[in-house]
Amino acid sequence: MAYSDLPAHLFKSLHLPNPKSYNVYLVGSRLWGTNTDKSDWDVLIVGDVSSEQLSSLHKSQYDIKLLDRQEFIARAKQGSIIEVICALMRKEDMLQCAFNIGDLSVDPDAIKIWLQERQVKDLAKAEKFWQKGNRQSGWKILRHILHSKALYNHLADILREKQVTLSIEDVQTIVRSVTYLCDKSWMQLDWSDVYTAVIDVLTQL
């Protein structure tokens, strides 16, 4: 399905009012460029919504998250990396652009703090998968940790500029630059050795 077909298809399924009033962003593996033919479509929908409306939904091949506009902006300012990336996304790389986010001031230090806190949680989650024998899922989390660090490094540089935008191609180029660092041979190692390897790579980035 072409990107341009996604919003109309989603809004028809979700029965959201005023479908043209939302920003729609591609997220997940199809944004990172790590998707396979079987990957779901992960989509973030942002607009003026009430607390009674859905916050997330899995429907067929779609994983959809709905955020109120002010909550989206607050998360971006707090340094949540996916909201930062979406807020900086070029209009032509959005699935639908209904409004401008405005002059969003994001502090690279906020992203760094958010990322450090997220890394602790993600490493703990990966370890649980490892101990349960689901190393493939754990390895994907480790890969995402490295991708996020590479994206932060890029954001820390460009956020010093006045005019900052990102394209999907930009994101995928950054992700590709570190994908090789997440070695699939890690899945043959005990968790203690994997943890050491991940920390070593993060230190190098």
C-alpha atoms as a PDB file:
ATOM      1  CA  MET A   1       0.000   0.000   0.000  1.00  0.00           C
ATOM      2  CA  ALA A   2       1.336   3.437  -0.937  1.00  0.00           C
ATOM      3  CA  TYR A   3       2.021   5.892   1.874  1.00  0.00           C
ATOM      4  CA  SER A   4      -0.541   8.304   0.404  1.00  0.00           C
ATOM      5  CA  ASP A   5      -3.294   5.692   0.811  1.00  0.00           C
ATOM      6  CA  LEU A   6      -2.700   5.176   4.533  1.00  0.00           C
ATOM      7  CA  PRO A   7      -4.481   8.136   6.213  1.00  0.00           C
ATOM      8  CA  ALA A   8      -7.802   7.684   4.401  1.00  0.00           C
ATOM      9  CA  HIS A   9      -7.705   3.957   5.111  1.00  0.00           C
ATOM     10  CA  LEU A  10      -6.941   4.520   8.806  1.00  0.00           C
ATOM     11  CA  PHE A  11      -9.548   7.202   9.412  1.00  0.00           C
ATOM     12  CA  LYS A  12     -12.201   5.094   7.762  1.00  0.00           C
ATOM     13  CA  SER A  13     -11.407   2.290  10.205  1.00  0.00           C
ATOM     14  CA  LEU A  14     -11.100   4.510  13.301  1.00  0.00           C
ATOM     15  CA  HIS A  15     -14.192   6.657  12.742  1.00  0.00           C
ATOM     16  CA  LEU A  16     -12.330   9.765  13.930  1.00  0.00           C
ATOM     17  CA  PRO A  17     -14.144  13.083  13.411  1.00  0.00           C
ATOM     18  CA  ASN A  18     -12.741  15.691  11.036  1.00  0.00           C
ATOM     19  CA  PRO A  19     -10.081  13.352   9.572  1.00  0.00           C
ATOM     20  CA  LYS A  20      -8.313  16.197   7.777  1.00  0.00           C
ATOM     21  CA  SER A  21      -7.530  17.940  11.083  1.00  0.00           C
ATOM     22  CA  TYR A  22      -4.833  15.471  12.208  1.00  0.00           C
ATOM     23  CA  ASN A  23      -1.128  15.150  11.578  1.00  0.00           C
ATOM     24  CA  VAL A  24      -0.194  11.571  10.710  1.00  0.00           C
ATOM     25  CA  TYR A  25       3.359  10.256  11.069  1.00  0.00           C
ATOM     26  CA  LEU A  26       4.993   7.017  10.032  1.00  0.00           C
ATOM     27  CA  VAL A  27       6.927   5.516  12.958  1.00  0.00           C
ATOM     28  CA  GLY A  28       8.392   2.133  13.911  1.00  0.00           C
ATOM     29  CA  SER A  29      10.390  -0.149  11.646  1.00  0.00           C
ATOM     30  CA  ARG A  30       9.070   1.410   8.428  1.00  0.00           C
ATOM     31  CA  LEU A  31      10.432   4.766   9.524  1.00  0.00           C
ATOM     32  CA  TRP A  32      13.763   3.257  10.611  1.00  0.00           C
ATOM     33  CA  GLY A  33      14.013   1.251   7.383  1.00  0.00           C
ATOM     34  CA  THR A  34      14.389  -2.037   9.278  1.00  0.00           C
ATOM     35  CA  ASN A  35      10.999  -3.435   8.238  1.00  0.00           C
ATOM     36  CA  THR A  36      10.326  -6.664   6.409  1.00  0.00           C
ATOM     37  CA  ASP A  37       7.421  -7.436   4.087  1.00  0.00           C
ATOM     38  CA  LYS A  38       5.538  -8.793   7.109  1.00  0.00           C
ATOM     39  CA  SER A  39       6.109  -5.779   9.363  1.00  0.00           C
ATOM     40  CA  ASP A  40       3.126  -3.878  10.736  1.00  0.00           C
ATOM     41  CA  TRP A  41       2.500  -0.252   9.874  1.00  0.00           C
ATOM     42  CA  ASP A  42       3.205   1.795  13.016  1.00  0.00           C
ATOM     43  CA  VAL A  43       1.437   5.139  12.834  1.00  0.00           C
ATOM     44  CA  LEU A  44       1.225   8.131  15.166  1.00  0.00           C
ATOM     45  CA  ILE A  45      -1.845  10.366  14.813  1.00  0.00           C
ATOM     46  CA  VAL A  46      -1.746  13.797  16.467  1.00  0.00           C
ATOM     47  CA  GLY A  47      -4.618  16.227  16.871  1.00  0.00           C
ATOM     48  CA  ASP A  48      -7.065  17.827  19.268  1.00  0.00           C
ATOM     49  CA  VAL A  49      -8.592  14.824  20.993  1.00  0.00           C
ATOM     50  CA  SER A  50     -10.522  14.210  24.186  1.00  0.00           C
ATOM     51  CA  SER A  51      -9.430  11.825  26.924  1.00  0.00           C
ATOM     52  CA  GLU A  52     -12.331   9.543  25.971  1.00  0.00           C
ATOM     53  CA  GLN A  53     -10.839   8.834  22.555  1.00  0.00           C
ATOM     54  CA  LEU A  54      -8.524   5.893  22.034  1.00  0.00           C
ATOM     55  CA  SER A  55      -4.859   6.214  22.947  1.00  0.00           C
ATOM     56  CA  SER A  56      -3.680   3.153  21.044  1.00  0.00           C
ATOM     57  CA  LEU A  57      -5.118   0.456  18.842  1.00  0.00           C
ATOM     58  CA  HIS A  58      -3.934  -2.619  16.998  1.00  0.00           C
ATOM     59  CA  LYS A  59      -6.089  -3.171  13.947  1.00  0.00           C
ATOM     60  CA  SER A  60      -5.230  -5.712  11.277  1.00  0.00           C
ATOM     61  CA  GLN A  61      -1.706  -4.800  10.103  1.00  0.00           C
ATOM     62  CA  TYR A  62      -1.698  -1.407  11.821  1.00  0.00           C
ATOM     63  CA  ASP A  63      -0.414  -0.323  15.232  1.00  0.00           C
ATOM     64  CA  ILE A  64      -1.911   3.094  15.811  1.00  0.00           C
ATOM     65  CA  LYS A  65      -1.256   5.583  18.586  1.00  0.00           C
ATOM     66  CA  LEU A  66      -3.367   8.700  19.020  1.00  0.00           C
ATOM     67  CA  LEU A  67      -1.942  11.674  20.923  1.00  0.00           C
ATOM     68  CA  ASP A  68      -3.430  15.027  21.802  1.00  0.00           C
ATOM     69  CA  ARG A  69      -1.481  17.866  20.197  1.00  0.00           C
ATOM     70  CA  GLN A  70      -0.432  19.399  23.526  1.00  0.00           C
ATOM     71  CA  GLU A  71       0.677  16.029  24.891  1.00  0.00           C
ATOM     72  CA  PHE A  72       2.721  15.460  21.728  1.00  0.00           C
ATOM     73  CA  ILE A  73       4.459  18.833  22.144  1.00  0.00           C
ATOM     74  CA  ALA A  74       5.063  18.174  25.855  1.00  0.00           C
ATOM     75  CA  ARG A  75       6.684  14.807  25.101  1.00  0.00           C
ATOM     76  CA  ALA A  76       8.908  16.363  22.444  1.00  0.00           C
ATOM     77  CA  LYS A  77      10.048  19.057  24.889  1.00  0.00           C
ATOM     78  CA  GLN A  78      10.756  16.333  27.466  1.00  0.00           C
ATOM     79  CA  GLY A  79      13.120  14.727  24.955  1.00  0.00           C
ATOM     80  CA  SER A  80      11.108  11.664  23.889  1.00  0.00           C
ATOM     81  CA  ILE A  81      13.015  10.860  20.742  1.00  0.00           C
ATOM     82  CA  ILE A  82      10.161   9.635  18.519  1.00  0.00           C
ATOM     83  CA  GLU A  83       8.076  12.753  19.200  1.00  0.00           C
ATOM     84  CA  VAL A  84      11.142  14.919  18.552  1.00  0.00           C
ATOM     85  CA  ILE A  85      11.770  13.193  15.217  1.00  0.00           C
ATOM     86  CA  CYS A  86       8.116  13.530  14.185  1.00  0.00           C
ATOM     87  CA  ALA A  87       8.012  17.191  15.224  1.00  0.00           C
ATOM     88  CA  LEU A  88      11.027  17.864  12.990  1.00  0.00           C
ATOM     89  CA  MET A  89       9.730  15.805  10.051  1.00  0.00           C
ATOM     90  CA  ARG A  90       9.341  17.596   6.728  1.00  0.00           C
ATOM     91  CA  LYS A  91       5.742  18.072   5.617  1.00  0.00           C
ATOM     92  CA  GLU A  92       6.375  16.068   2.459  1.00  0.00           C
ATOM     93  CA  ASP A  93       7.561  13.109   4.560  1.00  0.00           C
ATOM     94  CA  MET A  94       4.474  13.058   6.774  1.00  0.00           C
ATOM     95  CA  LEU A  95       1.543  10.814   5.877  1.00  0.00           C
ATOM     96  CA  GLN A  96      -0.728  13.809   6.439  1.00  0.00           C
ATOM     97  CA  CYS A  97       0.016  17.368   7.536  1.00  0.00           C
ATOM     98  CA  ALA A  98      -2.950  19.319   8.901  1.00  0.00           C
ATOM     99  CA  PHE A  99      -1.151  21.889  11.062  1.00  0.00           C
ATOM    100  CA  ASN A 100       2.280  23.233  11.904  1.00  0.00           C
ATOM    101  CA  ILE A 101       3.740  22.288  15.274  1.00  0.00           C
ATOM    102  CA  GLY A 102       5.203  25.766  15.524  1.00  0.00           C
ATOM    103  CA  ASP A 103       8.527  26.925  16.889  1.00  0.00           C
ATOM    104  CA  LEU A 104       9.364  23.948  19.066  1.00  0.00           C
ATOM    105  CA  SER A 105      12.399  24.438  21.245  1.00  0.00           C
ATOM    106  CA  VAL A 106      13.993  21.097  22.091  1.00  0.00           C
ATOM    107  CA  ASP A 107      16.979  20.947  24.418  1.00  0.00           C
ATOM    108  CA  PRO A 108      19.509  18.252  23.389  1.00  0.00           C
ATOM    109  CA  ASP A 109      20.189  17.707  27.098  1.00  0.00           C
ATOM    110  CA  ALA A 110      16.525  16.781  27.583  1.00  0.00           C
ATOM    111  CA  ILE A 111      16.851  14.142  24.854  1.00  0.00           C
ATOM    112  CA  LYS A 112      20.038  12.836  26.474  1.00  0.00           C
ATOM    113  CA  ILE A 113      18.346  12.455  29.867  1.00  0.00           C
ATOM    114  CA  TRP A 114      15.279  10.821  28.317  1.00  0.00           C
ATOM    115  CA  LEU A 115      17.505   8.447  26.347  1.00  0.00           C
ATOM    116  CA  GLN A 116      19.533   7.440  29.396  1.00  0.00           C
ATOM    117  CA  GLU A 117      16.358   6.623  31.327  1.00  0.00           C
ATOM    118  CA  ARG A 118      14.925   4.705  28.372  1.00  0.00           C
ATOM    119  CA  GLN A 119      18.148   2.721  27.919  1.00  0.00           C
ATOM    120  CA  VAL A 120      17.930   1.423  31.477  1.00  0.00           C
ATOM    121  CA  LYS A 121      14.359   0.234  30.885  1.00  0.00           C
ATOM    122  CA  ASP A 122      15.143  -1.245  27.455  1.00  0.00           C
ATOM    123  CA  LEU A 123      18.205  -3.119  28.711  1.00  0.00           C
ATOM    124  CA  ALA A 124      16.124  -4.621  31.524  1.00  0.00           C
ATOM    125  CA  LYS A 125      13.460  -5.636  29.013  1.00  0.00           C
ATOM    126  CA  ALA A 126      16.055  -7.167  26.672  1.00  0.00           C
ATOM    127  CA  GLU A 127      17.551  -9.119  29.572  1.00  0.00           C
ATOM    128  CA  LYS A 128      14.141 -10.606  30.415  1.00  0.00           C
ATOM    129  CA  PHE A 129      13.731 -11.759  26.814  1.00  0.00           C
ATOM    130  CA  TRP A 130      17.244 -13.211  26.934  1.00  0.00           C
ATOM    131  CA  GLN A 131      16.590 -15.168  30.096  1.00  0.00           C
ATOM    132  CA  LYS A 132      13.316 -16.519  28.682  1.00  0.00           C
ATOM    133  CA  GLY A 133      15.082 -17.765  25.551  1.00  0.00           C
ATOM    134  CA  ASN A 134      13.522 -15.189  23.217  1.00  0.00           C
ATOM    135  CA  ARG A 135      16.831 -13.738  22.098  1.00  0.00           C
ATOM    136  CA  GLN A 136      15.529 -12.482  18.752  1.00  0.00           C
ATOM    137  CA  SER A 137      13.167 -10.052  20.499  1.00  0.00           C
ATOM    138  CA  GLY A 138      15.915  -9.053  22.924  1.00  0.00           C
ATOM    139  CA  TRP A 139      18.318  -8.437  20.065  1.00  0.00           C
ATOM    140  CA  LYS A 140      15.785  -6.158  18.335  1.00  0.00           C
ATOM    141  CA  ILE A 141      15.570  -4.068  21.496  1.00  0.00           C
ATOM    142  CA  LEU A 142      19.363  -3.801  21.623  1.00  0.00           C
ATOM    143  CA  ARG A 143      19.411  -2.722  17.988  1.00  0.00           C
ATOM    144  CA  HIS A 144      16.830  -0.041  18.749  1.00  0.00           C
ATOM    145  CA  ILE A 145      18.976   1.246  21.628  1.00  0.00           C
ATOM    146  CA  LEU A 146      21.892   1.756  19.222  1.00  0.00           C
ATOM    147  CA  HIS A 147      19.642   3.371  16.619  1.00  0.00           C
ATOM    148  CA  SER A 148      18.306   5.803  19.224  1.00  0.00           C
ATOM    149  CA  LYS A 149      21.810   6.773  20.330  1.00  0.00           C
ATOM    150  CA  ALA A 150      22.851   7.466  16.732  1.00  0.00           C
ATOM    151  CA  LEU A 151      19.731   9.571  16.187  1.00  0.00           C
ATOM    152  CA  TYR A 152      20.459  11.511  19.367  1.00  0.00           C
ATOM    153  CA  ASN A 153      24.018  12.221  18.185  1.00  0.00           C
ATOM    154  CA  HIS A 154      22.605  13.663  14.963  1.00  0.00           C
ATOM    155  CA  LEU A 155      19.903  15.663  16.735  1.00  0.00           C
ATOM    156  CA  ALA A 156      22.389  17.109  19.217  1.00  0.00           C
ATOM    157  CA  ASP A 157      24.237  18.604  16.246  1.00  0.00           C
ATOM    158  CA  ILE A 158      21.359  19.866  14.104  1.00  0.00           C
ATOM    159  CA  LEU A 159      19.338  21.339  16.972  1.00  0.00           C
ATOM    160  CA  ARG A 160      22.008  24.010  17.254  1.00  0.00           C
ATOM    161  CA  GLU A 161      20.887  25.281  13.844  1.00  0.00           C
ATOM    162  CA  LYS A 162      17.960  27.679  13.402  1.00  0.00           C
ATOM    163  CA  GLN A 163      16.110  25.773  10.669  1.00  0.00           C
ATOM    164  CA  VAL A 164      15.902  22.087  11.470  1.00  0.00           C
ATOM    165  CA  THR A 165      14.018  19.464   9.477  1.00  0.00           C
ATOM    166  CA  LEU A 166      14.318  15.717   8.982  1.00  0.00           C
ATOM    167  CA  SER A 167      13.246  13.451   6.157  1.00  0.00           C
ATOM    168  CA  ILE A 168      12.488   9.750   6.290  1.00  0.00           C
ATOM    169  CA  GLU A 169      15.618   9.247   4.200  1.00  0.00           C
ATOM    170  CA  ASP A 170      17.655  11.166   6.803  1.00  0.00           C
ATOM    171  CA  VAL A 171      16.384   8.911   9.589  1.00  0.00           C
ATOM    172  CA  GLN A 172      17.048   5.732   7.624  1.00  0.00           C
ATOM    173  CA  THR A 173      20.562   6.867   6.676  1.00  0.00           C
ATOM    174  CA  ILE A 174      21.399   7.504  10.341  1.00  0.00           C
ATOM    175  CA  VAL A 175      19.949   4.145  11.377  1.00  0.00           C
ATOM    176  CA  ARG A 176      21.857   2.279   8.649  1.00  0.00           C
ATOM    177  CA  SER A 177      25.105   3.827   9.843  1.00  0.00           C
ATOM    178  CA  VAL A 178      24.960   1.835  13.098  1.00  0.00           C
ATOM    179  CA  THR A 179      22.904  -1.234  12.168  1.00  0.00           C
ATOM    180  CA  TYR A 180      26.068  -3.248  11.521  1.00  0.00           C
ATOM    181  CA  LEU A 181      27.230  -2.556  15.090  1.00  0.00           C
ATOM    182  CA  CYS A 182      24.414  -4.697  16.484  1.00  0.00           C
ATOM    183  CA  ASP A 183      26.012  -8.061  15.811  1.00  0.00           C
ATOM    184  CA  LYS A 184      23.651 -10.999  15.386  1.00  0.00           C
ATOM    185  CA  SER A 185      26.358 -13.213  16.874  1.00  0.00           C
ATOM    186  CA  TRP A 186      25.384 -11.628  20.199  1.00  0.00           C
ATOM    187  CA  MET A 187      22.463 -14.050  20.264  1.00  0.00           C
ATOM    188  CA  GLN A 188      24.942 -16.857  20.926  1.00  0.00           C
ATOM    189  CA  LEU A 189      26.328 -15.138  24.034  1.00  0.00           C
ATOM    190  CA  ASP A 190      25.282 -15.119  27.657  1.00  0.00           C
ATOM    191  CA  TRP A 191      23.545 -11.943  28.772  1.00  0.00           C
ATOM    192  CA  SER A 192      26.501 -10.658  30.815  1.00  0.00           C
ATOM    193  CA  ASP A 193      28.711 -10.733  27.708  1.00  0.00           C
ATOM    194  CA  VAL A 194      25.987  -9.152  25.557  1.00  0.00           C
ATOM    195  CA  TYR A 195      25.491  -6.365  28.084  1.00  0.00           C
ATOM    196  CA  THR A 196      29.229  -5.618  28.049  1.00  0.00           C
ATOM    197  CA  ALA A 197      29.242  -5.565  24.235  1.00  0.00           C
ATOM    198  CA  VAL A 198      26.290  -3.152  24.055  1.00  0.00           C
ATOM    199  CA  ILE A 199      27.808  -0.771  26.586  1.00  0.00           C
ATOM    200  CA  ASP A 200      31.106  -0.831  24.685  1.00  0.00           C
ATOM    201  CA  VAL A 201      29.340   0.116  21.440  1.00  0.00           C
ATOM    202  CA  LEU A 202      27.314   2.863  23.130  1.00  0.00           C
ATOM    203  CA  THR A 203      30.544   4.285  24.527  1.00  0.00           C
ATOM    204  CA  GLN A 204      32.026   4.366  21.034  1.00  0.00           C
ATOM    205  CA  LEU A 205      29.068   6.158  19.467  1.00  0.00           C
END
